[in-house]
């Protein structure tokens, strides 16, 4: 048994390892996203702008997760902007979108191993961003977790990166922002159930 364990250990040392660097975000700002039409809620979600302060540059990760009426998947949109650190320290902003856009994006609760990953990635209308389609329940779970102020981790993958930079963050919505989003989520599900019932 001991020889078998040593053999397994030796074999793993020769395998390539995908490194991931984990950084703590400096700040995270959350914004509710709510859409309506004459009959009720059509879109519910959350947008995050998460800052990573590097010595020479400030990176602003910008992503959103939404649930939409008539769609059986959630939608994710992700990109990144950069401002020179010297400019940022002067409280000036020259945000430049990082081009080309990312190739993928994932997000998860910091305490869980399972991540929400797009099942399909498309180019977004906004240059430097991607649009992903993801599991509906998984998207719902992440939106609710962010709404509840849970600590999250995400990675926005770029083709030129040799490894993922995993960013840890937590943000909070004010009571005035959280209540309408909770009402939206409940109203959207009620409307989806009504539509499903009328179709049967």
Protein backbone atom coordinates (compact mmCIF):
# COMPACT_ATOMS: atom_id res chain seq x y z
CA UNK A 1 0.00 0.00 0.00
CA UNK A 2 2.82 2.40 0.89
CA UNK A 3 4.52 1.73 -2.46
CA UNK A 4 1.24 2.40 -4.27
CA UNK A 5 0.82 5.78 -2.52
CA UNK A 6 4.42 6.74 -3.35
CA UNK A 7 3.86 5.76 -6.97
CA UNK A 8 0.69 7.87 -7.17
CA UNK A 9 2.46 10.84 -5.59
CA UNK A 10 5.37 10.57 -8.00
CA UNK A 11 3.03 10.40 -10.98
CA UNK A 12 1.13 13.54 -9.92
CA UNK A 13 4.38 15.50 -9.71
CA UNK A 14 4.84 15.10 -13.46
CA UNK A 15 1.33 16.38 -14.31
CA UNK A 16 0.87 20.03 -15.37
CA UNK A 17 -0.81 22.12 -12.69
CA UNK A 18 -3.28 24.93 -13.49
CA UNK A 19 -2.37 27.62 -10.99
CA UNK A 20 -4.96 30.05 -9.68
CA UNK A 21 -4.06 33.19 -7.81
CA UNK A 22 -6.67 34.40 -5.30
CA UNK A 23 -6.86 38.14 -4.54
CA UNK A 24 -9.12 40.08 -2.21
CA UNK A 25 -11.11 42.85 -3.87
CA UNK A 26 -10.62 46.37 -2.57
CA UNK A 27 -14.30 47.26 -2.95
CA UNK A 28 -17.44 45.87 -4.54
CA UNK A 29 -20.47 47.90 -5.59
CA UNK A 30 -23.74 46.08 -6.33
CA UNK A 31 -26.68 47.44 -8.33
CA UNK A 32 -30.12 45.84 -8.72
CA UNK A 33 -31.35 45.37 -12.29
CA UNK A 34 -35.11 45.35 -12.76
CA UNK A 35 -37.21 45.39 -15.94
CA UNK A 36 -40.98 45.69 -16.31
CA UNK A 37 -43.67 45.82 -18.96
CA UNK A 38 -47.39 46.55 -18.71
CA UNK A 39 -48.08 43.08 -17.25
CA UNK A 40 -45.33 42.91 -14.62
CA UNK A 41 -41.67 42.04 -14.14
CA UNK A 42 -39.65 40.92 -17.16
CA UNK A 43 -36.04 40.98 -15.90
CA UNK A 44 -34.46 40.64 -12.45
CA UNK A 45 -30.76 40.58 -11.69
CA UNK A 46 -27.75 42.15 -10.13
CA UNK A 47 -24.69 43.98 -11.42
CA UNK A 48 -21.32 44.08 -9.67
CA UNK A 49 -18.36 46.37 -10.16
CA UNK A 50 -15.42 44.91 -8.26
CA UNK A 51 -12.10 46.74 -7.87
CA UNK A 52 -8.69 45.06 -7.72
CA UNK A 53 -5.98 47.61 -6.84
CA UNK A 54 -2.67 46.64 -8.43
CA UNK A 55 0.56 48.69 -8.07
CA UNK A 56 0.35 50.17 -11.58
CA UNK A 57 -3.28 49.77 -12.56
CA UNK A 58 -6.75 49.55 -11.04
CA UNK A 59 -8.86 46.82 -12.61
CA UNK A 60 -12.63 47.20 -12.44
CA UNK A 61 -14.36 43.89 -13.12
CA UNK A 62 -17.87 44.58 -14.38
CA UNK A 63 -20.36 41.73 -14.55
CA UNK A 64 -24.08 41.10 -14.24
CA UNK A 65 -26.40 38.14 -13.80
CA UNK A 66 -30.02 38.29 -14.95
CA UNK A 67 -33.14 36.16 -15.15
CA UNK A 68 -35.53 37.02 -17.96
CA UNK A 69 -39.15 36.22 -18.71
CA UNK A 70 -39.44 33.68 -21.51
CA UNK A 71 -35.90 32.31 -21.06
CA UNK A 72 -35.08 28.95 -19.47
CA UNK A 73 -31.48 30.03 -18.82
CA UNK A 74 -29.89 32.83 -16.86
CA UNK A 75 -27.68 35.36 -18.62
CA UNK A 76 -24.22 36.50 -17.55
CA UNK A 77 -22.37 39.50 -18.96
CA UNK A 78 -18.73 40.14 -18.04
CA UNK A 79 -15.84 42.41 -18.94
CA UNK A 80 -13.10 44.51 -17.36
CA UNK A 81 -11.95 48.14 -17.35
CA UNK A 82 -8.56 49.54 -16.35
CA UNK A 83 -7.42 52.89 -14.95
CA UNK A 84 -3.75 53.79 -14.32
CA UNK A 85 -3.09 53.69 -10.56
CA UNK A 86 -1.56 57.19 -10.59
CA UNK A 87 -4.70 58.56 -12.22
CA UNK A 88 -6.94 56.69 -9.78
CA UNK A 89 -5.05 58.12 -6.78
CA UNK A 90 -5.87 61.60 -8.07
CA UNK A 91 -9.55 60.56 -8.03
CA UNK A 92 -9.62 60.79 -11.80
CA UNK A 93 -10.92 58.01 -13.97
CA UNK A 94 -9.72 57.02 -17.43
CA UNK A 95 -11.46 53.70 -17.61
CA UNK A 96 -10.34 51.77 -20.65
CA UNK A 97 -12.17 48.59 -21.61
CA UNK A 98 -9.81 45.62 -21.87
CA UNK A 99 -9.84 44.28 -25.44
CA UNK A 100 -10.37 41.69 -26.70
CA UNK A 101 -13.05 40.57 -24.28
CA UNK A 102 -12.76 37.58 -21.97
CA UNK A 103 -13.16 34.02 -23.19
CA UNK A 104 -15.09 32.82 -20.15
CA UNK A 105 -16.37 33.73 -16.70
CA UNK A 106 -17.38 31.81 -13.60
CA UNK A 107 -18.72 32.75 -10.15
CA UNK A 108 -19.34 30.79 -6.95
CA UNK A 109 -20.00 31.18 -3.26
CA UNK A 110 -16.61 31.32 -1.53
CA UNK A 111 -17.69 28.44 0.74
CA UNK A 112 -18.70 26.13 -2.14
CA UNK A 113 -16.73 24.27 -4.76
CA UNK A 114 -19.40 24.28 -7.48
CA UNK A 115 -19.25 27.33 -9.75
CA UNK A 116 -21.80 28.84 -12.10
CA UNK A 117 -20.22 28.55 -15.55
CA UNK A 118 -21.85 29.51 -18.86
CA UNK A 119 -23.09 26.61 -20.96
CA UNK A 120 -22.71 28.86 -24.02
CA UNK A 121 -20.58 31.99 -24.53
CA UNK A 122 -21.41 34.68 -27.09
CA UNK A 123 -19.96 38.06 -28.01
CA UNK A 124 -21.89 40.85 -26.29
CA UNK A 125 -23.08 44.07 -27.95
CA UNK A 126 -20.61 46.01 -25.77
CA UNK A 127 -16.96 45.73 -26.98
CA UNK A 128 -14.77 43.94 -24.44
CA UNK A 129 -17.65 41.99 -22.90
CA UNK A 130 -19.00 38.50 -23.32
CA UNK A 131 -22.54 37.21 -22.88
CA UNK A 132 -23.07 33.76 -21.40
CA UNK A 133 -26.10 31.53 -21.00
CA UNK A 134 -26.13 29.62 -17.71
CA UNK A 135 -28.30 27.26 -15.68
CA UNK A 136 -31.44 29.10 -14.52
CA UNK A 137 -31.50 27.72 -10.95
CA UNK A 138 -27.75 28.27 -10.60
CA UNK A 139 -28.09 31.89 -11.73
CA UNK A 140 -30.99 32.38 -9.31
CA UNK A 141 -28.89 30.96 -6.47
CA UNK A 142 -25.94 33.28 -7.19
CA UNK A 143 -28.17 36.37 -7.46
CA UNK A 144 -29.80 35.53 -4.10
CA UNK A 145 -26.38 34.85 -2.51
CA UNK A 146 -25.04 38.22 -3.69
CA UNK A 147 -28.24 39.91 -2.57
CA UNK A 148 -27.70 38.36 0.88
CA UNK A 149 -24.16 39.72 1.12
CA UNK A 150 -22.42 36.33 0.99
CA UNK A 151 -18.72 36.19 0.16
CA UNK A 152 -18.22 35.23 -3.47
CA UNK A 153 -15.36 34.33 -5.79
CA UNK A 154 -15.18 34.79 -9.54
CA UNK A 155 -12.71 34.65 -12.41
CA UNK A 156 -12.86 36.45 -15.74
CA UNK A 157 -10.63 34.48 -18.09
CA UNK A 158 -8.68 36.15 -20.88
CA UNK A 159 -6.90 34.35 -23.71
CA UNK A 160 -3.53 35.93 -22.90
CA UNK A 161 -3.60 34.86 -19.23
CA UNK A 162 -1.45 31.86 -18.25
CA UNK A 163 -3.73 31.26 -15.24
CA UNK A 164 -6.98 32.49 -13.73
CA UNK A 165 -6.98 35.31 -11.21
CA UNK A 166 -9.71 34.45 -8.71
CA UNK A 167 -11.19 37.51 -7.01
CA UNK A 168 -12.92 37.25 -3.62
CA UNK A 169 -15.47 39.87 -2.66
CA UNK A 170 -18.65 40.63 -0.82
CA UNK A 171 -21.04 43.50 -1.40
CA UNK A 172 -24.32 44.68 -0.01
CA UNK A 173 -27.42 46.38 -1.29
CA UNK A 174 -29.15 48.99 0.81
CA UNK A 175 -32.60 48.11 2.14
CA UNK A 176 -34.09 50.48 -0.44
CA UNK A 177 -32.32 48.55 -3.23
CA UNK A 178 -32.79 45.02 -1.85
CA UNK A 179 -36.58 45.17 -1.32
CA UNK A 180 -37.46 45.97 -4.96
CA UNK A 181 -35.12 43.23 -6.21
CA UNK A 182 -36.69 40.66 -3.87
CA UNK A 183 -40.13 41.75 -5.08
CA UNK A 184 -38.91 41.43 -8.67
CA UNK A 185 -37.61 37.89 -8.17
CA UNK A 186 -40.86 36.78 -6.55
CA UNK A 187 -42.99 38.51 -9.17
CA UNK A 188 -40.98 37.07 -12.06
CA UNK A 189 -41.39 33.50 -10.79
CA UNK A 190 -45.16 34.06 -10.27
CA UNK A 191 -45.44 35.34 -13.83
CA UNK A 192 -43.45 32.40 -15.23
CA UNK A 193 -45.70 29.95 -13.37
CA UNK A 194 -48.81 31.70 -14.69
CA UNK A 195 -47.48 31.46 -18.26
CA UNK A 196 -46.62 27.77 -17.78
CA UNK A 197 -50.08 27.08 -16.38
CA UNK A 198 -51.87 28.84 -19.25
CA UNK A 199 -49.80 26.89 -21.79
CA UNK A 200 -51.03 23.52 -20.39
